[in-house]
Amino acid sequence: MPGPSLKGPSATTEMQFYCLGFGHASEMFGFVKDVFMSCAKEWDEETLMKELDYVRKIFQGGEDLNGKELHLKADVLHTKLVTKMISPSDACDFIFQR
């Protein structure tokens, strides 16, 4: 759900989720970035495509800049993986490059 930015400028919003384990809201972008940075290289191609599809859906309606950029990148990378235009390893390297 969109909520006030926890780290960015005031009056900006970003996708957030409520973490039951920690009992507070967390930024979805940071969480997704950490998951991809820690785990994506170990995923097989099918899992990577599923995770990219989840990212596309999560950030589809977001209004924050990071979320919009991540949605677009996930969409492009998913398409390139399906059409074999990019390797899973290259997709992992590209997901969070600016």
PDB file of N, CA and C in Angstrom:
ATOM      1  N   MET A   1       0.834  -1.166   0.000  1.00  0.00           N
ATOM      2  CA  MET A   1       0.000   0.000   0.000  1.00  0.00           C
ATOM      3  C   MET A   1       0.884   1.235   0.000  1.00  0.00           C
ATOM      4  N   PRO A   2       0.441   2.301  -0.657  1.00  0.00           N
ATOM      5  CA  PRO A   2       1.217   3.531  -0.616  1.00  0.00           C
ATOM      6  C   PRO A   2       1.144   4.148   0.777  1.00  0.00           C
ATOM      7  N   GLY A   3       2.234   4.737   1.174  1.00  0.00           N
ATOM      8  CA  GLY A   3       2.278   5.410   2.463  1.00  0.00           C
ATOM      9  C   GLY A   3       3.331   6.486   2.425  1.00  0.00           C
ATOM     10  N   PRO A   4       3.415   7.281   3.487  1.00  0.00           N
ATOM     11  CA  PRO A   4       4.423   8.337   3.507  1.00  0.00           C
ATOM     12  C   PRO A   4       5.822   7.743   3.471  1.00  0.00           C
ATOM     13  N   SER A   5       6.703   8.394   2.758  1.00  0.00           N
ATOM     14  CA  SER A   5       8.080   7.928   2.655  1.00  0.00           C
ATOM     15  C   SER A   5       8.721   7.876   4.035  1.00  0.00           C
ATOM     16  N   LEU A   6       9.398   6.777   4.314  1.00  0.00           N
ATOM     17  CA  LEU A   6      10.066   6.624   5.600  1.00  0.00           C
ATOM     18  C   LEU A   6      11.474   7.201   5.566  1.00  0.00           C
ATOM     19  N   LYS A   7      12.064   7.309   4.359  1.00  0.00           N
ATOM     20  CA  LYS A   7      13.437   7.787   4.238  1.00  0.00           C
ATOM     21  C   LYS A   7      13.576   8.982   3.308  1.00  0.00           C
ATOM     22  N   GLY A   8      12.624   9.158   2.405  1.00  0.00           N
ATOM     23  CA  GLY A   8      12.720  10.222   1.415  1.00  0.00           C
ATOM     24  C   GLY A   8      12.164  11.536   1.928  1.00  0.00           C
ATOM     25  N   PRO A   9      12.068  12.511   1.014  1.00  0.00           N
ATOM     26  CA  PRO A   9      11.549  13.828   1.392  1.00  0.00           C
ATOM     27  C   PRO A   9      10.118  13.728   1.922  1.00  0.00           C
ATOM     28  N   SER A  10       9.760  14.638   2.825  1.00  0.00           N
ATOM     29  CA  SER A  10       8.398  14.634   3.338  1.00  0.00           C
ATOM     30  C   SER A  10       7.439  14.960   2.202  1.00  0.00           C
ATOM     31  N   ALA A  11       6.212  14.541   2.357  1.00  0.00           N
ATOM     32  CA  ALA A  11       5.141  14.721   1.375  1.00  0.00           C
ATOM     33  C   ALA A  11       5.295  13.809   0.161  1.00  0.00           C
ATOM     34  N   THR A  12       6.238  12.867   0.192  1.00  0.00           N
ATOM     35  CA  THR A  12       6.336  11.878  -0.879  1.00  0.00           C
ATOM     36  C   THR A  12       5.795  10.561  -0.362  1.00  0.00           C
ATOM     37  N   THR A  13       5.337   9.725  -1.270  1.00  0.00           N
ATOM     38  CA  THR A  13       4.808   8.419  -0.892  1.00  0.00           C
ATOM     39  C   THR A  13       5.598   7.324  -1.568  1.00  0.00           C
ATOM     40  N   GLU A  14       5.486   6.125  -1.022  1.00  0.00           N
ATOM     41  CA  GLU A  14       6.105   4.954  -1.627  1.00  0.00           C
ATOM     42  C   GLU A  14       5.377   3.714  -1.155  1.00  0.00           C
ATOM     43  N   MET A  15       5.606   2.621  -1.854  1.00  0.00           N
ATOM     44  CA  MET A  15       4.955   1.363  -1.499  1.00  0.00           C
ATOM     45  C   MET A  15       5.528   0.858  -0.178  1.00  0.00           C
ATOM     46  N   GLN A  16       4.631   0.432   0.713  1.00  0.00           N
ATOM     47  CA  GLN A  16       5.044  -0.083   2.011  1.00  0.00           C
ATOM     48  C   GLN A  16       4.281  -1.364   2.322  1.00  0.00           C
ATOM     49  N   PHE A  17       4.821  -2.136   3.235  1.00  0.00           N
ATOM     50  CA  PHE A  17       4.110  -3.281   3.771  1.00  0.00           C
ATOM     51  C   PHE A  17       4.313  -3.290   5.273  1.00  0.00           C
ATOM     52  N   TYR A  18       3.377  -3.915   5.961  1.00  0.00           N
ATOM     53  CA  TYR A  18       3.482  -4.002   7.409  1.00  0.00           C
ATOM     54  C   TYR A  18       4.139  -5.331   7.753  1.00  0.00           C
ATOM     55  N   CYS A  19       5.298  -5.274   8.389  1.00  0.00           N
ATOM     56  CA  CYS A  19       6.049  -6.467   8.756  1.00  0.00           C
ATOM     57  C   CYS A  19       5.567  -6.959  10.117  1.00  0.00           C
ATOM     58  N   LEU A  20       4.952  -8.133  10.149  1.00  0.00           N
ATOM     59  CA  LEU A  20       4.467  -8.700  11.407  1.00  0.00           C
ATOM     60  C   LEU A  20       5.613  -9.043  12.341  1.00  0.00           C
ATOM     61  N   GLY A  21       6.733  -9.489  11.792  1.00  0.00           N
ATOM     62  CA  GLY A  21       7.883  -9.874  12.603  1.00  0.00           C
ATOM     63  C   GLY A  21       8.484  -8.718  13.372  1.00  0.00           C
ATOM     64  N   PHE A  22       8.545  -7.543  12.725  1.00  0.00           N
ATOM     65  CA  PHE A  22       9.139  -6.371  13.364  1.00  0.00           C
ATOM     66  C   PHE A  22       8.095  -5.416  13.930  1.00  0.00           C
ATOM     67  N   GLY A  23       6.838  -5.611  13.548  1.00  0.00           N
ATOM     68  CA  GLY A  23       5.764  -4.799  14.092  1.00  0.00           C
ATOM     69  C   GLY A  23       5.735  -3.360  13.611  1.00  0.00           C
ATOM     70  N   HIS A  24       6.206  -3.103  12.398  1.00  0.00           N
ATOM     71  CA  HIS A  24       6.165  -1.746  11.849  1.00  0.00           C
ATOM     72  C   HIS A  24       6.162  -1.785  10.329  1.00  0.00           C
ATOM     73  N   ALA A  25       5.880  -0.624   9.738  1.00  0.00           N
ATOM     74  CA  ALA A  25       5.880  -0.508   8.282  1.00  0.00           C
ATOM     75  C   ALA A  25       7.314  -0.490   7.758  1.00  0.00           C
ATOM     76  N   SER A  26       7.503  -1.083   6.605  1.00  0.00           N
ATOM     77  CA  SER A  26       8.800  -1.090   5.939  1.00  0.00           C
ATOM     78  C   SER A  26       8.590  -0.709   4.475  1.00  0.00           C
ATOM     79  N   GLU A  27       9.631  -0.165   3.871  1.00  0.00           N
ATOM     80  CA  GLU A  27       9.560   0.221   2.469  1.00  0.00           C
ATOM     81  C   GLU A  27       9.675  -1.009   1.581  1.00  0.00           C
ATOM     82  N   MET A  28       8.739  -1.147   0.661  1.00  0.00           N
ATOM     83  CA  MET A  28       8.717  -2.296  -0.230  1.00  0.00           C
ATOM     84  C   MET A  28       9.920  -2.290  -1.176  1.00  0.00           C
ATOM     85  N   PHE A  29      10.301  -1.114  -1.688  1.00  0.00           N
ATOM     86  CA  PHE A  29      11.426  -1.041  -2.620  1.00  0.00           C
ATOM     87  C   PHE A  29      12.695  -1.588  -1.974  1.00  0.00           C
ATOM     88  N   GLY A  30      13.006  -1.145  -0.771  1.00  0.00           N
ATOM     89  CA  GLY A  30      14.205  -1.611  -0.077  1.00  0.00           C
ATOM     90  C   GLY A  30      14.167  -3.098   0.198  1.00  0.00           C
ATOM     91  N   PHE A  31      12.994  -3.590   0.577  1.00  0.00           N
ATOM     92  CA  PHE A  31      12.829  -5.015   0.843  1.00  0.00           C
ATOM     93  C   PHE A  31      13.071  -5.829  -0.430  1.00  0.00           C
ATOM     94  N   VAL A  32      12.449  -5.415  -1.527  1.00  0.00           N
ATOM     95  CA  VAL A  32      12.611  -6.140  -2.795  1.00  0.00           C
ATOM     96  C   VAL A  32      14.067  -6.090  -3.246  1.00  0.00           C
ATOM     97  N   LYS A  33      14.693  -4.935  -3.106  1.00  0.00           N
ATOM     98  CA  LYS A  33      16.103  -4.801  -3.491  1.00  0.00           C
ATOM     99  C   LYS A  33      16.969  -5.760  -2.688  1.00  0.00           C
ATOM    100  N   ASP A  34      16.762  -5.822  -1.377  1.00  0.00           N
ATOM    101  CA  ASP A  34      17.533  -6.735  -0.532  1.00  0.00           C
ATOM    102  C   ASP A  34      17.332  -8.190  -0.935  1.00  0.00           C
ATOM    103  N   VAL A  35      16.089  -8.565  -1.229  1.00  0.00           N
ATOM    104  CA  VAL A  35      15.804  -9.941  -1.634  1.00  0.00           C
ATOM    105  C   VAL A  35      16.534 -10.274  -2.928  1.00  0.00           C
ATOM    106  N   PHE A  36      16.437  -9.400  -3.919  1.00  0.00           N
ATOM    107  CA  PHE A  36      17.102  -9.661  -5.192  1.00  0.00           C
ATOM    108  C   PHE A  36      18.621  -9.697  -5.035  1.00  0.00           C
ATOM    109  N   MET A  37      19.173  -8.760  -4.278  1.00  0.00           N
ATOM    110  CA  MET A  37      20.627  -8.717  -4.094  1.00  0.00           C
ATOM    111  C   MET A  37      21.131  -9.960  -3.362  1.00  0.00           C
ATOM    112  N   SER A  38      20.343 -10.478  -2.449  1.00  0.00           N
ATOM    113  CA  SER A  38      20.767 -11.628  -1.644  1.00  0.00           C
ATOM    114  C   SER A  38      20.464 -12.969  -2.297  1.00  0.00           C
ATOM    115  N   CYS A  39      19.395 -13.056  -3.067  1.00  0.00           N
ATOM    116  CA  CYS A  39      18.901 -14.363  -3.491  1.00  0.00           C
ATOM    117  C   CYS A  39      18.865 -14.617  -4.993  1.00  0.00           C
ATOM    118  N   ALA A  40      18.734 -13.587  -5.803  1.00  0.00           N
ATOM    119  CA  ALA A  40      18.430 -13.774  -7.227  1.00  0.00           C
ATOM    120  C   ALA A  40      19.454 -14.617  -7.975  1.00  0.00           C
ATOM    121  N   LYS A  41      20.724 -14.490  -7.648  1.00  0.00           N
ATOM    122  CA  LYS A  41      21.758 -15.263  -8.357  1.00  0.00           C
ATOM    123  C   LYS A  41      21.583 -16.772  -8.144  1.00  0.00           C
ATOM    124  N   GLU A  42      20.899 -17.147  -7.070  1.00  0.00           N
ATOM    125  CA  GLU A  42      20.694 -18.566  -6.758  1.00  0.00           C
ATOM    126  C   GLU A  42      19.417 -19.131  -7.379  1.00  0.00           C
ATOM    127  N   TRP A  43      18.529 -18.265  -7.866  1.00  0.00           N
ATOM    128  CA  TRP A  43      17.269 -18.711  -8.434  1.00  0.00           C
ATOM    129  C   TRP A  43      17.482 -19.300  -9.821  1.00  0.00           C
ATOM    130  N   ASP A  44      16.664 -20.295 -10.162  1.00  0.00           N
ATOM    131  CA  ASP A  44      16.673 -20.777 -11.540  1.00  0.00           C
ATOM    132  C   ASP A  44      15.865 -19.791 -12.390  1.00  0.00           C
ATOM    133  N   GLU A  45      15.899 -19.963 -13.683  1.00  0.00           N
ATOM    134  CA  GLU A  45      15.259 -19.008 -14.595  1.00  0.00           C
ATOM    135  C   GLU A  45      13.761 -18.883 -14.329  1.00  0.00           C
ATOM    136  N   GLU A  46      13.098 -19.992 -14.066  1.00  0.00           N
ATOM    137  CA  GLU A  46      11.656 -19.971 -13.808  1.00  0.00           C
ATOM    138  C   GLU A  46      11.323 -19.148 -12.559  1.00  0.00           C
ATOM    139  N   THR A  47      12.085 -19.357 -11.503  1.00  0.00           N
ATOM    140  CA  THR A  47      11.862 -18.602 -10.265  1.00  0.00           C
ATOM    141  C   THR A  47      12.129 -17.122 -10.481  1.00  0.00           C
ATOM    142  N   LEU A  48      13.201 -16.797 -11.194  1.00  0.00           N
ATOM    143  CA  LEU A  48      13.520 -15.396 -11.476  1.00  0.00           C
ATOM    144  C   LEU A  48      12.382 -14.732 -12.246  1.00  0.00           C
ATOM    145  N   MET A  49      11.832 -15.419 -13.239  1.00  0.00           N
ATOM    146  CA  MET A  49      10.731 -14.842 -14.007  1.00  0.00           C
ATOM    147  C   MET A  49       9.495 -14.653 -13.128  1.00  0.00           C
ATOM    148  N   LYS A  50       9.215 -15.589 -12.241  1.00  0.00           N
ATOM    149  CA  LYS A  50       8.083 -15.436 -11.321  1.00  0.00           C
ATOM    150  C   LYS A  50       8.288 -14.243 -10.395  1.00  0.00           C
ATOM    151  N   GLU A  51       9.502 -14.096  -9.863  1.00  0.00           N
ATOM    152  CA  GLU A  51       9.786 -12.984  -8.953  1.00  0.00           C
ATOM    153  C   GLU A  51       9.699 -11.644  -9.683  1.00  0.00           C
ATOM    154  N   LEU A  52      10.186 -11.581 -10.914  1.00  0.00           N
ATOM    155  CA  LEU A  52      10.058 -10.355 -11.701  1.00  0.00           C
ATOM    156  C   LEU A  52       8.589 -10.034 -11.972  1.00  0.00           C
ATOM    157  N   ASP A  53       7.785 -11.069 -12.202  1.00  0.00           N
ATOM    158  CA  ASP A  53       6.355 -10.860 -12.412  1.00  0.00           C
ATOM    159  C   ASP A  53       5.698 -10.309 -11.145  1.00  0.00           C
ATOM    160  N   TYR A  54       6.090 -10.826  -9.981  1.00  0.00           N
ATOM    161  CA  TYR A  54       5.569 -10.294  -8.717  1.00  0.00           C
ATOM    162  C   TYR A  54       5.944  -8.825  -8.563  1.00  0.00           C
ATOM    163  N   VAL A  55       7.187  -8.492  -8.880  1.00  0.00           N
ATOM    164  CA  VAL A  55       7.647  -7.104  -8.762  1.00  0.00           C
ATOM    165  C   VAL A  55       6.835  -6.200  -9.697  1.00  0.00           C
ATOM    166  N   ARG A  56       6.588  -6.672 -10.906  1.00  0.00           N
ATOM    167  CA  ARG A  56       5.772  -5.885 -11.849  1.00  0.00           C
ATOM    168  C   ARG A  56       4.403  -5.598 -11.250  1.00  0.00           C
ATOM    169  N   LYS A  57       3.797  -6.626 -10.660  1.00  0.00           N
ATOM    170  CA  LYS A  57       2.451  -6.466 -10.104  1.00  0.00           C
ATOM    171  C   LYS A  57       2.446  -5.587  -8.855  1.00  0.00           C
ATOM    172  N   ILE A  58       3.421  -5.747  -7.993  1.00  0.00           N
ATOM    173  CA  ILE A  58       3.478  -4.965  -6.751  1.00  0.00           C
ATOM    174  C   ILE A  58       3.603  -3.479  -7.045  1.00  0.00           C
ATOM    175  N   PHE A  59       4.472  -3.138  -7.978  1.00  0.00           N
ATOM    176  CA  PHE A  59       4.764  -1.725  -8.242  1.00  0.00           C
ATOM    177  C   PHE A  59       3.978  -1.153  -9.418  1.00  0.00           C
ATOM    178  N   GLN A  60       3.032  -1.892  -9.933  1.00  0.00           N
ATOM    179  CA  GLN A  60       2.274  -1.474 -11.109  1.00  0.00           C
ATOM    180  C   GLN A  60       1.563  -0.137 -10.919  1.00  0.00           C
ATOM    181  N   GLY A  61       0.925   0.080  -9.806  1.00  0.00           N
ATOM    182  CA  GLY A  61       0.167   1.311  -9.618  1.00  0.00           C
ATOM    183  C   GLY A  61       0.850   2.330  -8.735  1.00  0.00           C
ATOM    184  N   GLY A  62       2.110   2.073  -8.399  1.00  0.00           N
ATOM    185  CA  GLY A  62       2.810   2.970  -7.498  1.00  0.00           C
ATOM    186  C   GLY A  62       3.082   4.331  -8.109  1.00  0.00           C
ATOM    187  N   GLU A  63       3.203   5.314  -7.240  1.00  0.00           N
ATOM    188  CA  GLU A  63       3.462   6.670  -7.703  1.00  0.00           C
ATOM    189  C   GLU A  63       4.879   7.136  -7.412  1.00  0.00           C
ATOM    190  N   ASP A  64       5.613   6.388  -6.579  1.00  0.00           N
ATOM    191  CA  ASP A  64       6.970   6.822  -6.258  1.00  0.00           C
ATOM    192  C   ASP A  64       7.921   6.487  -7.401  1.00  0.00           C
ATOM    193  N   LEU A  65       8.936   7.318  -7.565  1.00  0.00           N
ATOM    194  CA  LEU A  65       9.864   7.196  -8.685  1.00  0.00           C
ATOM    195  C   LEU A  65      10.596   5.857  -8.684  1.00  0.00           C
ATOM    196  N   ASN A  66      11.119   5.425  -7.534  1.00  0.00           N
ATOM    197  CA  ASN A  66      11.834   4.149  -7.466  1.00  0.00           C
ATOM    198  C   ASN A  66      10.936   2.982  -7.870  1.00  0.00           C
ATOM    199  N   GLY A  67       9.706   2.995  -7.398  1.00  0.00           N
ATOM    200  CA  GLY A  67       8.763   1.929  -7.730  1.00  0.00           C
ATOM    201  C   GLY A  67       8.418   1.899  -9.204  1.00  0.00           C
ATOM    202  N   LYS A  68       8.209   3.077  -9.794  1.00  0.00           N
ATOM    203  CA  LYS A  68       7.905   3.150 -11.228  1.00  0.00           C
ATOM    204  C   LYS A  68       9.068   2.612 -12.055  1.00  0.00           C
ATOM    205  N   GLU A  69      10.289   3.028 -11.693  1.00  0.00           N
ATOM    206  CA  GLU A  69      11.467   2.560 -12.424  1.00  0.00           C
ATOM    207  C   GLU A  69      11.627   1.049 -12.284  1.00  0.00           C
ATOM    208  N   LEU A  70      11.412   0.537 -11.072  1.00  0.00           N
ATOM    209  CA  LEU A  70      11.553  -0.897 -10.847  1.00  0.00           C
ATOM    210  C   LEU A  70      10.487  -1.670 -11.617  1.00  0.00           C
ATOM    211  N   HIS A  71       9.261  -1.148 -11.658  1.00  0.00           N
ATOM    212  CA  HIS A  71       8.193  -1.788 -12.437  1.00  0.00           C
ATOM    213  C   HIS A  71       8.595  -1.896 -13.905  1.00  0.00           C
ATOM    214  N   LEU A  72       9.100  -0.796 -14.473  1.00  0.00           N
ATOM    215  CA  LEU A  72       9.498  -0.801 -15.883  1.00  0.00           C
ATOM    216  C   LEU A  72      10.651  -1.762 -16.149  1.00  0.00           C
ATOM    217  N   LYS A  73      11.648  -1.755 -15.264  1.00  0.00           N
ATOM    218  CA  LYS A  73      12.786  -2.669 -15.441  1.00  0.00           C
ATOM    219  C   LYS A  73      12.346  -4.121 -15.346  1.00  0.00           C
ATOM    220  N   ALA A  74      11.511  -4.420 -14.364  1.00  0.00           N
ATOM    221  CA  ALA A  74      11.039  -5.801 -14.202  1.00  0.00           C
ATOM    222  C   ALA A  74      10.256  -6.237 -15.428  1.00  0.00           C
ATOM    223  N   ASP A  75       9.457  -5.347 -15.992  1.00  0.00           N
ATOM    224  CA  ASP A  75       8.675  -5.662 -17.184  1.00  0.00           C
ATOM    225  C   ASP A  75       9.582  -5.959 -18.373  1.00  0.00           C
ATOM    226  N   VAL A  76      10.561  -5.097 -18.587  1.00  0.00           N
ATOM    227  CA  VAL A  76      11.497  -5.286 -19.705  1.00  0.00           C
ATOM    228  C   VAL A  76      12.307  -6.572 -19.514  1.00  0.00           C
ATOM    229  N   LEU A  77      12.829  -6.793 -18.316  1.00  0.00           N
ATOM    230  CA  LEU A  77      13.646  -7.982 -18.064  1.00  0.00           C
ATOM    231  C   LEU A  77      12.828  -9.260 -18.195  1.00  0.00           C
ATOM    232  N   HIS A  78      11.600  -9.244 -17.716  1.00  0.00           N
ATOM    233  CA  HIS A  78      10.737 -10.422 -17.847  1.00  0.00           C
ATOM    234  C   HIS A  78      10.532 -10.758 -19.323  1.00  0.00           C
ATOM    235  N   THR A  79      10.229  -9.743 -20.125  1.00  0.00           N
ATOM    236  CA  THR A  79      10.036  -9.955 -21.568  1.00  0.00           C
ATOM    237  C   THR A  79      11.306 -10.485 -22.222  1.00  0.00           C
ATOM    238  N   LYS A  80      12.456  -9.913 -21.861  1.00  0.00           N
ATOM    239  CA  LYS A  80      13.717 -10.363 -22.450  1.00  0.00           C
ATOM    240  C   LYS A  80      14.063 -11.788 -22.033  1.00  0.00           C
ATOM    241  N   LEU A  81      13.711 -12.174 -20.821  1.00  0.00           N
ATOM    242  CA  LEU A  81      13.946 -13.559 -20.389  1.00  0.00           C
ATOM    243  C   LEU A  81      13.044 -14.525 -21.141  1.00  0.00           C
ATOM    244  N   VAL A  82      11.788 -14.156 -21.303  1.00  0.00           N
ATOM    245  CA  VAL A  82      10.836 -15.015 -22.022  1.00  0.00           C
ATOM    246  C   VAL A  82      11.288 -15.221 -23.464  1.00  0.00           C
ATOM    247  N   THR A  83      11.808 -14.167 -24.087  1.00  0.00           N
ATOM    248  CA  THR A  83      12.222 -14.250 -25.492  1.00  0.00           C
ATOM    249  C   THR A  83      13.690 -14.643 -25.651  1.00  0.00           C
ATOM    250  N   LYS A  84      14.341 -14.977 -24.537  1.00  0.00           N
ATOM    251  CA  LYS A  84      15.742 -15.429 -24.533  1.00  0.00           C
ATOM    252  C   LYS A  84      16.712 -14.367 -25.051  1.00  0.00           C
ATOM    253  N   MET A  85      16.372 -13.082 -24.841  1.00  0.00           N
ATOM    254  CA  MET A  85      17.242 -11.997 -25.277  1.00  0.00           C
ATOM    255  C   MET A  85      18.289 -11.644 -24.216  1.00  0.00           C
ATOM    256  N   ILE A  86      18.143 -12.191 -23.016  1.00  0.00           N
ATOM    257  CA  ILE A  86      19.065 -11.908 -21.929  1.00  0.00           C
ATOM    258  C   ILE A  86      19.181 -13.165 -21.061  1.00  0.00           C
ATOM    259  N   SER A  87      20.343 -13.361 -20.480  1.00  0.00           N
ATOM    260  CA  SER A  87      20.523 -14.513 -19.587  1.00  0.00           C
ATOM    261  C   SER A  87      20.010 -14.154 -18.194  1.00  0.00           C
ATOM    262  N   PRO A  88      19.637 -15.148 -17.395  1.00  0.00           N
ATOM    263  CA  PRO A  88      19.220 -14.862 -16.017  1.00  0.00           C
ATOM    264  C   PRO A  88      20.288 -14.116 -15.224  1.00  0.00           C
ATOM    265  N   SER A  89      21.550 -14.468 -15.422  1.00  0.00           N
ATOM    266  CA  SER A  89      22.637 -13.804 -14.712  1.00  0.00           C
ATOM    267  C   SER A  89      22.715 -12.325 -15.074  1.00  0.00           C
ATOM    268  N   ASP A  90      22.597 -12.018 -16.373  1.00  0.00           N
ATOM    269  CA  ASP A  90      22.623 -10.617 -16.804  1.00  0.00           C
ATOM    270  C   ASP A  90      21.400  -9.864 -16.290  1.00  0.00           C
ATOM    271  N   ALA A  91      20.249 -10.519 -16.242  1.00  0.00           N
ATOM    272  CA  ALA A  91      19.046  -9.881 -15.715  1.00  0.00           C
ATOM    273  C   ALA A  91      19.236  -9.517 -14.241  1.00  0.00           C
ATOM    274  N   CYS A  92      19.852 -10.399 -13.476  1.00  0.00           N
ATOM    275  CA  CYS A  92      20.119 -10.132 -12.061  1.00  0.00           C
ATOM    276  C   CYS A  92      21.059  -8.935 -11.909  1.00  0.00           C
ATOM    277  N   ASP A  93      22.058  -8.871 -12.763  1.00  0.00           N
ATOM    278  CA  ASP A  93      23.015  -7.758 -12.691  1.00  0.00           C
ATOM    279  C   ASP A  93      22.349  -6.425 -13.056  1.00  0.00           C
ATOM    280  N   PHE A  94      21.390  -6.468 -13.933  1.00  0.00           N
ATOM    281  CA  PHE A  94      20.777  -5.258 -14.473  1.00  0.00           C
ATOM    282  C   PHE A  94      19.649  -4.694 -13.606  1.00  0.00           C
ATOM    283  N   ILE A  95      18.992  -5.518 -12.819  1.00  0.00           N
ATOM    284  CA  ILE A  95      17.759  -5.109 -12.140  1.00  0.00           C
ATOM    285  C   ILE A  95      17.907  -3.843 -11.307  1.00  0.00           C
ATOM    286  N   PHE A  96      19.047  -3.653 -10.629  1.00  0.00           N
ATOM    287  CA  PHE A  96      19.190  -2.479  -9.778  1.00  0.00           C
ATOM    288  C   PHE A  96      20.275  -1.512 -10.242  1.00  0.00           C
ATOM    289  N   GLN A  97      20.707  -1.634 -11.484  1.00  0.00           N
ATOM    290  CA  GLN A  97      21.637  -0.648 -12.022  1.00  0.00           C
ATOM    291  C   GLN A  97      20.869   0.609 -12.389  1.00  0.00           C
ATOM    292  N   ARG A  98      21.510   1.719 -12.240  1.00  0.00           N
ATOM    293  CA  ARG A  98      20.881   3.025 -12.601  1.00  0.00           C
ATOM    294  C   ARG A  98      21.257   3.370 -14.006  1.00  0.00           C
TER     295      ARG A  98
END
